Amino acid sequence: MTQLVHIIDDDAAFRLAIGRLLRAYGYETAEYPSAEDFLEKVRAGLRDGCILLDVSMPGLSGPDLQASLVQLESPFPIVFLSGHGDVPTTVRAIKAGAEDFLTKPVSGPALLEGITRAFQRFETEQRQRDWLARAWSLLDTLTQREREVFDHVVRGRLNKQTAHALGITERTIKAHRQQIFDKLGARSVAELVSMAERLGVLPHEPEPDPGNDTSPQSTADHRGRPKPPLRGD
């Protein structure tokens, strides 16, 4: 699939030269004399491509466009180009998510490397966004009770423990667990735990207070039998 590079620069000669270079290397290009022109396309639904962006332009500057795209939650990877970049501007741009900050005149290899890296990161992040969207849609298919059981399962609770906590039978818990596995397409508890971690929904219990440990594990072995007293007790 041809990759699209949006060249945003108020210098027409520069846009023409960079466009020719990128097309010679197999990229598709679109050129814009101002950030406002590009932003209008984004608001109309444009979502694909990498942005090659000048820093200083009349009207909306490059960093201003970057901030607007963040507000619009547009995922475009950005490579900045500037004839007079300074360290504070560079740092702000990178912190805001830009892939690279190059200084004009830029060499062909440096430009191509920056664009290649930007597309690679975009594709990686897009796969992550797609996975998260699908995972959330699957999680939303669970009923309220199934979601409660899911929370116990990913915390490592046994069926008996979950049944006691929710006030239902182990048989019902087993039925809910099977529904959860079927709906989420999981083959093991480990996959459910991994999914919960990646979605940020893995329940975390507070650490027990060592000075006030009244849990059964402190007085019983793993089978629930009382531990023998320590010598000197």
C-alpha atoms as a PDB file:
ATOM      1  CA  MET A   1       0.000   0.000   0.000  1.00  0.00           C
ATOM      2  CA  THR A   2       1.326   3.449  -0.956  1.00  0.00           C
ATOM      3  CA  GLN A   3       2.125   5.653   2.016  1.00  0.00           C
ATOM      4  CA  LEU A   4       0.898   9.231   1.964  1.00  0.00           C
ATOM      5  CA  VAL A   5       3.036  12.156   3.146  1.00  0.00           C
ATOM      6  CA  HIS A   6       1.385  15.518   3.799  1.00  0.00           C
ATOM      7  CA  ILE A   7       3.860  18.334   3.119  1.00  0.00           C
ATOM      8  CA  ILE A   8       2.822  21.481   5.009  1.00  0.00           C
ATOM      9  CA  ASP A   9       5.058  24.461   4.278  1.00  0.00           C
ATOM     10  CA  ASP A  10       4.492  28.034   3.116  1.00  0.00           C
ATOM     11  CA  ASP A  11       7.505  27.813   0.772  1.00  0.00           C
ATOM     12  CA  ALA A  12       6.128  26.645  -2.591  1.00  0.00           C
ATOM     13  CA  ALA A  13       9.569  25.825  -4.033  1.00  0.00           C
ATOM     14  CA  PHE A  14      10.383  23.685  -0.996  1.00  0.00           C
ATOM     15  CA  ARG A  15       7.083  21.820  -1.235  1.00  0.00           C
ATOM     16  CA  LEU A  16       7.757  21.121  -4.914  1.00  0.00           C
ATOM     17  CA  ALA A  17      11.295  19.855  -4.336  1.00  0.00           C
ATOM     18  CA  ILE A  18      10.413  17.646  -1.360  1.00  0.00           C
ATOM     19  CA  GLY A  19       7.347  16.305  -3.163  1.00  0.00           C
ATOM     20  CA  ARG A  20       9.475  15.233  -6.134  1.00  0.00           C
ATOM     21  CA  LEU A  21      12.005  13.565  -3.856  1.00  0.00           C
ATOM     22  CA  LEU A  22       9.412  11.597  -1.921  1.00  0.00           C
ATOM     23  CA  ARG A  23       7.514  10.497  -5.030  1.00  0.00           C
ATOM     24  CA  ALA A  24      10.799   9.254  -6.493  1.00  0.00           C
ATOM     25  CA  TYR A  25      11.037   6.938  -3.483  1.00  0.00           C
ATOM     26  CA  GLY A  26       7.520   5.620  -3.920  1.00  0.00           C
ATOM     27  CA  TYR A  27       5.567   7.849  -1.550  1.00  0.00           C
ATOM     28  CA  GLU A  28       2.318   9.538  -2.442  1.00  0.00           C
ATOM     29  CA  THR A  29       2.280  13.230  -1.508  1.00  0.00           C
ATOM     30  CA  ALA A  30      -0.234  15.976  -0.786  1.00  0.00           C
ATOM     31  CA  GLU A  31       0.897  19.592  -0.436  1.00  0.00           C
ATOM     32  CA  TYR A  32      -0.542  22.407   1.678  1.00  0.00           C
ATOM     33  CA  PRO A  33       0.609  26.047   1.817  1.00  0.00           C
ATOM     34  CA  SER A  34      -0.731  26.517   5.351  1.00  0.00           C
ATOM     35  CA  ALA A  35      -1.594  24.607   8.504  1.00  0.00           C
ATOM     36  CA  GLU A  36      -5.169  25.902   8.250  1.00  0.00           C
ATOM     37  CA  ASP A  37      -5.622  24.201   4.861  1.00  0.00           C
ATOM     38  CA  PHE A  38      -4.541  20.864   6.291  1.00  0.00           C
ATOM     39  CA  LEU A  39      -6.631  21.254   9.442  1.00  0.00           C
ATOM     40  CA  GLU A  40      -9.704  21.841   7.283  1.00  0.00           C
ATOM     41  CA  LYS A  41      -9.095  18.481   5.584  1.00  0.00           C
ATOM     42  CA  VAL A  42      -8.706  16.763   8.955  1.00  0.00           C
ATOM     43  CA  ARG A  43     -11.995  18.197  10.194  1.00  0.00           C
ATOM     44  CA  ALA A  44     -13.578  16.880   6.995  1.00  0.00           C
ATOM     45  CA  GLY A  45     -12.430  13.360   7.847  1.00  0.00           C
ATOM     46  CA  LEU A  46      -8.809  12.984   6.702  1.00  0.00           C
ATOM     47  CA  ARG A  47      -7.067  10.357   8.860  1.00  0.00           C
ATOM     48  CA  ASP A  48      -4.261   8.717   6.869  1.00  0.00           C
ATOM     49  CA  GLY A  49      -0.627   9.595   6.311  1.00  0.00           C
ATOM     50  CA  CYS A  50       2.446  11.170   7.846  1.00  0.00           C
ATOM     51  CA  ILE A  51       2.930  14.925   8.210  1.00  0.00           C
ATOM     52  CA  LEU A  52       6.087  16.744   7.135  1.00  0.00           C
ATOM     53  CA  LEU A  53       5.568  20.037   8.938  1.00  0.00           C
ATOM     54  CA  ASP A  54       7.296  23.407   8.874  1.00  0.00           C
ATOM     55  CA  VAL A  55       7.638  25.086  12.257  1.00  0.00           C
ATOM     56  CA  SER A  56       7.232  28.763  11.391  1.00  0.00           C
ATOM     57  CA  MET A  57       4.425  29.720   9.000  1.00  0.00           C
ATOM     58  CA  PRO A  58       2.064  32.682   8.683  1.00  0.00           C
ATOM     59  CA  GLY A  59      -1.112  32.107  10.678  1.00  0.00           C
ATOM     60  CA  LEU A  60      -1.175  28.761  12.453  1.00  0.00           C
ATOM     61  CA  SER A  61       2.358  27.589  13.228  1.00  0.00           C
ATOM     62  CA  GLY A  62       3.582  24.000  13.097  1.00  0.00           C
ATOM     63  CA  PRO A  63       3.466  23.515  16.895  1.00  0.00           C
ATOM     64  CA  ASP A  64       0.004  25.121  16.950  1.00  0.00           C
ATOM     65  CA  LEU A  65      -1.198  22.601  14.365  1.00  0.00           C
ATOM     66  CA  GLN A  66       0.325  19.793  16.411  1.00  0.00           C
ATOM     67  CA  ALA A  67      -1.615  20.964  19.473  1.00  0.00           C
ATOM     68  CA  SER A  68      -4.851  21.176  17.444  1.00  0.00           C
ATOM     69  CA  LEU A  69      -4.386  17.626  16.168  1.00  0.00           C
ATOM     70  CA  VAL A  70      -3.874  16.390  19.724  1.00  0.00           C
ATOM     71  CA  GLN A  71      -7.155  18.031  20.742  1.00  0.00           C
ATOM     72  CA  LEU A  72      -8.902  16.383  17.778  1.00  0.00           C
ATOM     73  CA  GLU A  73      -7.325  13.020  18.745  1.00  0.00           C
ATOM     74  CA  SER A  74      -5.881  12.695  15.232  1.00  0.00           C
ATOM     75  CA  PRO A  75      -3.172  10.035  15.105  1.00  0.00           C
ATOM     76  CA  PHE A  76      -0.913  11.550  12.433  1.00  0.00           C
ATOM     77  CA  PRO A  77       2.819  10.955  12.955  1.00  0.00           C
ATOM     78  CA  ILE A  78       4.729  14.235  12.542  1.00  0.00           C
ATOM     79  CA  VAL A  79       8.232  15.021  11.314  1.00  0.00           C
ATOM     80  CA  PHE A  80       9.091  18.693  11.847  1.00  0.00           C
ATOM     81  CA  LEU A  81      11.284  20.676   9.464  1.00  0.00           C
ATOM     82  CA  SER A  82      12.659  24.094  10.320  1.00  0.00           C
ATOM     83  CA  GLY A  83      15.164  26.571   8.944  1.00  0.00           C
ATOM     84  CA  HIS A  84      15.753  28.000  12.398  1.00  0.00           C
ATOM     85  CA  GLY A  85      14.814  25.434  15.003  1.00  0.00           C
ATOM     86  CA  ASP A  86      15.794  26.072  18.594  1.00  0.00           C
ATOM     87  CA  VAL A  87      16.247  23.648  21.460  1.00  0.00           C
ATOM     88  CA  PRO A  88      13.101  24.621  23.470  1.00  0.00           C
ATOM     89  CA  THR A  89      10.890  24.296  20.375  1.00  0.00           C
ATOM     90  CA  THR A  90      12.450  20.957  19.510  1.00  0.00           C
ATOM     91  CA  VAL A  91      11.970  19.614  23.033  1.00  0.00           C
ATOM     92  CA  ARG A  92       8.328  20.725  23.160  1.00  0.00           C
ATOM     93  CA  ALA A  93       7.587  19.157  19.774  1.00  0.00           C
ATOM     94  CA  ILE A  94       9.145  15.817  20.692  1.00  0.00           C
ATOM     95  CA  LYS A  95       7.420  15.745  24.086  1.00  0.00           C
ATOM     96  CA  ALA A  96       4.111  16.426  22.336  1.00  0.00           C
ATOM     97  CA  GLY A  97       4.621  13.332  20.186  1.00  0.00           C
ATOM     98  CA  ALA A  98       6.586  14.393  17.105  1.00  0.00           C
ATOM     99  CA  GLU A  99       8.709  11.615  15.632  1.00  0.00           C
ATOM    100  CA  ASP A 100      11.626  13.818  14.593  1.00  0.00           C
ATOM    101  CA  PHE A 101      12.795  17.429  14.282  1.00  0.00           C
ATOM    102  CA  LEU A 102      15.019  18.099  11.263  1.00  0.00           C
ATOM    103  CA  THR A 103      16.790  21.281  10.240  1.00  0.00           C
ATOM    104  CA  LYS A 104      16.653  22.720   6.706  1.00  0.00           C
ATOM    105  CA  PRO A 105      18.368  22.078   4.415  1.00  0.00           C
ATOM    106  CA  VAL A 106      17.840  18.411   5.161  1.00  0.00           C
ATOM    107  CA  SER A 107      19.617  15.579   3.384  1.00  0.00           C
ATOM    108  CA  GLY A 108      17.585  13.010   1.504  1.00  0.00           C
ATOM    109  CA  PRO A 109      18.703  10.052   3.647  1.00  0.00           C
ATOM    110  CA  ALA A 110      17.918  11.884   6.919  1.00  0.00           C
ATOM    111  CA  LEU A 111      14.481  12.875   5.650  1.00  0.00           C
ATOM    112  CA  LEU A 112      13.643   9.381   4.422  1.00  0.00           C
ATOM    113  CA  GLU A 113      14.857   7.840   7.671  1.00  0.00           C
ATOM    114  CA  GLY A 114      12.644  10.164   9.721  1.00  0.00           C
ATOM    115  CA  ILE A 115       9.579   9.468   7.581  1.00  0.00           C
ATOM    116  CA  THR A 116      10.183   5.703   7.614  1.00  0.00           C
ATOM    117  CA  ARG A 117      10.473   5.718  11.403  1.00  0.00           C
ATOM    118  CA  ALA A 118       7.321   7.827  11.714  1.00  0.00           C
ATOM    119  CA  PHE A 119       5.298   5.383   9.625  1.00  0.00           C
ATOM    120  CA  GLN A 120       6.663   2.405  11.570  1.00  0.00           C
ATOM    121  CA  ARG A 121       5.673   3.916  14.905  1.00  0.00           C
ATOM    122  CA  PHE A 122       2.272   4.927  13.551  1.00  0.00           C
ATOM    123  CA  GLU A 123       1.570   1.395  12.319  1.00  0.00           C
ATOM    124  CA  THR A 124       2.608  -0.084  15.677  1.00  0.00           C
ATOM    125  CA  GLU A 125       0.398   2.351  17.577  1.00  0.00           C
ATOM    126  CA  GLN A 126      -2.468   1.776  15.134  1.00  0.00           C
ATOM    127  CA  ARG A 127      -2.341  -1.973  15.774  1.00  0.00           C
ATOM    128  CA  GLN A 128      -2.473  -1.248  19.492  1.00  0.00           C
ATOM    129  CA  ARG A 129      -5.450   1.097  19.036  1.00  0.00           C
ATOM    130  CA  ASP A 130      -7.240  -1.516  16.917  1.00  0.00           C
ATOM    131  CA  TRP A 131      -6.579  -4.216  19.548  1.00  0.00           C
ATOM    132  CA  LEU A 132      -7.845  -2.001  22.364  1.00  0.00           C
ATOM    133  CA  ALA A 133     -10.999  -1.079  20.446  1.00  0.00           C
ATOM    134  CA  ARG A 134     -11.765  -4.741  19.738  1.00  0.00           C
ATOM    135  CA  ALA A 135     -10.952  -5.817  23.307  1.00  0.00           C
ATOM    136  CA  TRP A 136     -13.218  -3.160  24.801  1.00  0.00           C
ATOM    137  CA  SER A 137     -16.034  -4.125  22.440  1.00  0.00           C
ATOM    138  CA  LEU A 138     -15.684  -7.771  23.546  1.00  0.00           C
ATOM    139  CA  LEU A 139     -15.560  -6.839  27.228  1.00  0.00           C
ATOM    140  CA  ASP A 140     -18.735  -4.793  26.786  1.00  0.00           C
ATOM    141  CA  THR A 141     -20.579  -7.972  25.678  1.00  0.00           C
ATOM    142  CA  LEU A 142     -20.306  -9.384  29.207  1.00  0.00           C
ATOM    143  CA  THR A 143     -23.334  -9.088  31.451  1.00  0.00           C
ATOM    144  CA  GLN A 144     -22.945  -7.365  34.809  1.00  0.00           C
ATOM    145  CA  ARG A 145     -22.693 -10.729  36.578  1.00  0.00           C
ATOM    146  CA  GLU A 146     -20.188 -12.069  34.040  1.00  0.00           C
ATOM    147  CA  ARG A 147     -18.068  -8.953  34.542  1.00  0.00           C
ATOM    148  CA  GLU A 148     -18.104  -9.562  38.306  1.00  0.00           C
ATOM    149  CA  VAL A 149     -16.972 -13.150  37.758  1.00  0.00           C
ATOM    150  CA  PHE A 150     -14.330 -11.924  35.288  1.00  0.00           C
ATOM    151  CA  ASP A 151     -12.907  -9.608  37.952  1.00  0.00           C
ATOM    152  CA  HIS A 152     -12.567 -12.527  40.367  1.00  0.00           C
ATOM    153  CA  VAL A 153     -11.080 -14.872  37.766  1.00  0.00           C
ATOM    154  CA  VAL A 154      -8.312 -12.452  36.743  1.00  0.00           C
ATOM    155  CA  ARG A 155      -7.452 -11.979  40.423  1.00  0.00           C
ATOM    156  CA  GLY A 156      -6.780 -15.720  40.662  1.00  0.00           C
ATOM    157  CA  ARG A 157      -9.847 -16.583  42.704  1.00  0.00           C
ATOM    158  CA  LEU A 158     -11.069 -20.173  42.699  1.00  0.00           C
ATOM    159  CA  ASN A 159     -14.650 -21.003  41.761  1.00  0.00           C
ATOM    160  CA  LYS A 160     -15.471 -21.732  45.403  1.00  0.00           C
ATOM    161  CA  GLN A 161     -14.082 -18.374  46.527  1.00  0.00           C
ATOM    162  CA  THR A 162     -15.914 -16.498  43.778  1.00  0.00           C
ATOM    163  CA  ALA A 163     -19.178 -18.276  44.540  1.00  0.00           C
ATOM    164  CA  HIS A 164     -18.883 -17.359  48.229  1.00  0.00           C
ATOM    165  CA  ALA A 165     -18.041 -13.741  47.445  1.00  0.00           C
ATOM    166  CA  LEU A 166     -20.957 -13.309  45.028  1.00  0.00           C
ATOM    167  CA  GLY A 167     -23.461 -15.431  46.944  1.00  0.00           C
ATOM    168  CA  ILE A 168     -24.149 -17.894  44.120  1.00  0.00           C
ATOM    169  CA  THR A 169     -23.351 -21.559  43.482  1.00  0.00           C
ATOM    170  CA  GLU A 170     -20.114 -22.956  42.084  1.00  0.00           C
ATOM    171  CA  ARG A 171     -22.101 -24.486  39.235  1.00  0.00           C
ATOM    172  CA  THR A 172     -23.357 -21.033  38.272  1.00  0.00           C
ATOM    173  CA  ILE A 173     -19.811 -19.671  38.470  1.00  0.00           C
ATOM    174  CA  LYS A 174     -18.597 -22.395  36.112  1.00  0.00           C
ATOM    175  CA  ALA A 175     -21.351 -21.515  33.646  1.00  0.00           C
ATOM    176  CA  HIS A 176     -20.424 -17.825  33.788  1.00  0.00           C
ATOM    177  CA  ARG A 177     -16.723 -18.645  33.330  1.00  0.00           C
ATOM    178  CA  GLN A 178     -17.494 -20.626  30.194  1.00  0.00           C
ATOM    179  CA  GLN A 179     -19.535 -17.729  28.822  1.00  0.00           C
ATOM    180  CA  ILE A 180     -16.676 -15.349  29.558  1.00  0.00           C
ATOM    181  CA  PHE A 181     -14.153 -17.538  27.728  1.00  0.00           C
ATOM    182  CA  ASP A 182     -16.500 -17.910  24.755  1.00  0.00           C
ATOM    183  CA  LYS A 183     -17.358 -14.197  24.484  1.00  0.00           C
ATOM    184  CA  LEU A 184     -13.776 -12.966  24.872  1.00  0.00           C
ATOM    185  CA  GLY A 185     -12.246 -15.678  22.698  1.00  0.00           C
ATOM    186  CA  ALA A 186      -9.805 -16.648  25.448  1.00  0.00           C
ATOM    187  CA  ARG A 187      -8.317 -20.110  25.830  1.00  0.00           C
ATOM    188  CA  SER A 188      -6.852 -19.788  29.297  1.00  0.00           C
ATOM    189  CA  VAL A 189      -6.990 -17.756  32.487  1.00  0.00           C
ATOM    190  CA  ALA A 190      -3.558 -16.377  31.577  1.00  0.00           C
ATOM    191  CA  GLU A 191      -5.052 -14.826  28.430  1.00  0.00           C
ATOM    192  CA  LEU A 192      -7.823 -13.226  30.491  1.00  0.00           C
ATOM    193  CA  VAL A 193      -5.258 -11.792  32.915  1.00  0.00           C
ATOM    194  CA  SER A 194      -3.164 -10.443  30.033  1.00  0.00           C
ATOM    195  CA  MET A 195      -6.242  -8.822  28.510  1.00  0.00           C
ATOM    196  CA  ALA A 196      -7.227  -7.239  31.820  1.00  0.00           C
ATOM    197  CA  GLU A 197      -3.703  -5.876  32.307  1.00  0.00           C
ATOM    198  CA  ARG A 198      -3.532  -4.366  28.808  1.00  0.00           C
ATOM    199  CA  LEU A 199      -6.941  -2.753  29.258  1.00  0.00           C
ATOM    200  CA  GLY A 200      -5.992  -1.449  32.687  1.00  0.00           C
ATOM    201  CA  VAL A 201      -8.943  -3.155  34.391  1.00  0.00           C
ATOM    202  CA  LEU A 202      -7.077  -5.701  36.494  1.00  0.00           C
ATOM    203  CA  PRO A 203      -8.413  -5.170  40.022  1.00  0.00           C
ATOM    204  CA  HIS A 204      -5.767  -4.417  42.601  1.00  0.00           C
ATOM    205  CA  GLU A 205      -6.332  -5.285  46.225  1.00  0.00           C
ATOM    206  CA  PRO A 206      -4.639  -3.306  49.001  1.00  0.00           C
ATOM    207  CA  GLU A 207      -1.525  -4.857  50.458  1.00  0.00           C
ATOM    208  CA  PRO A 208      -2.244  -6.608  53.761  1.00  0.00           C
ATOM    209  CA  ASP A 209      -1.011  -4.898  56.913  1.00  0.00           C
ATOM    210  CA  PRO A 210       1.775  -7.131  58.279  1.00  0.00           C
ATOM    211  CA  GLY A 211       1.010  -5.900  61.784  1.00  0.00           C
ATOM    212  CA  ASN A 212      -2.648  -6.813  61.528  1.00  0.00           C
ATOM    213  CA  ASP A 213      -2.701 -10.006  59.494  1.00  0.00           C
ATOM    214  CA  THR A 214      -5.851 -11.882  60.394  1.00  0.00           C
ATOM    215  CA  SER A 215      -6.154 -13.779  57.113  1.00  0.00           C
ATOM    216  CA  PRO A 216      -6.662 -17.577  57.203  1.00  0.00           C
ATOM    217  CA  GLN A 217      -3.280 -18.056  55.519  1.00  0.00           C
ATOM    218  CA  SER A 218      -1.536 -16.762  58.638  1.00  0.00           C
ATOM    219  CA  THR A 219      -2.961 -19.571  60.816  1.00  0.00           C
ATOM    220  CA  ALA A 220      -3.578 -22.390  58.311  1.00  0.00           C
ATOM    221  CA  ASP A 221      -1.656 -24.293  55.654  1.00  0.00           C
ATOM    222  CA  HIS A 222      -2.569 -24.411  51.940  1.00  0.00           C
ATOM    223  CA  ARG A 223      -5.227 -27.081  52.632  1.00  0.00           C
ATOM    224  CA  GLY A 224      -6.915 -25.036  55.308  1.00  0.00           C
ATOM    225  CA  ARG A 225      -5.564 -27.083  58.191  1.00  0.00           C
ATOM    226  CA  PRO A 226      -4.303 -25.252  61.332  1.00  0.00           C
ATOM    227  CA  LYS A 227      -0.553 -24.757  61.318  1.00  0.00           C
ATOM    228  CA  PRO A 228       1.362 -26.353  64.177  1.00  0.00           C
ATOM    229  CA  PRO A 229       2.516 -23.842  66.785  1.00  0.00           C
ATOM    230  CA  LEU A 230       6.074 -22.605  66.513  1.00  0.00           C
ATOM    231  CA  ARG A 231       8.547 -23.684  69.154  1.00  0.00           C
ATOM    232  CA  GLY A 232       8.410 -21.356  72.104  1.00  0.00           C
ATOM    233  CA  ASP A 233       4.706 -20.461  71.497  1.00  0.00           C
END
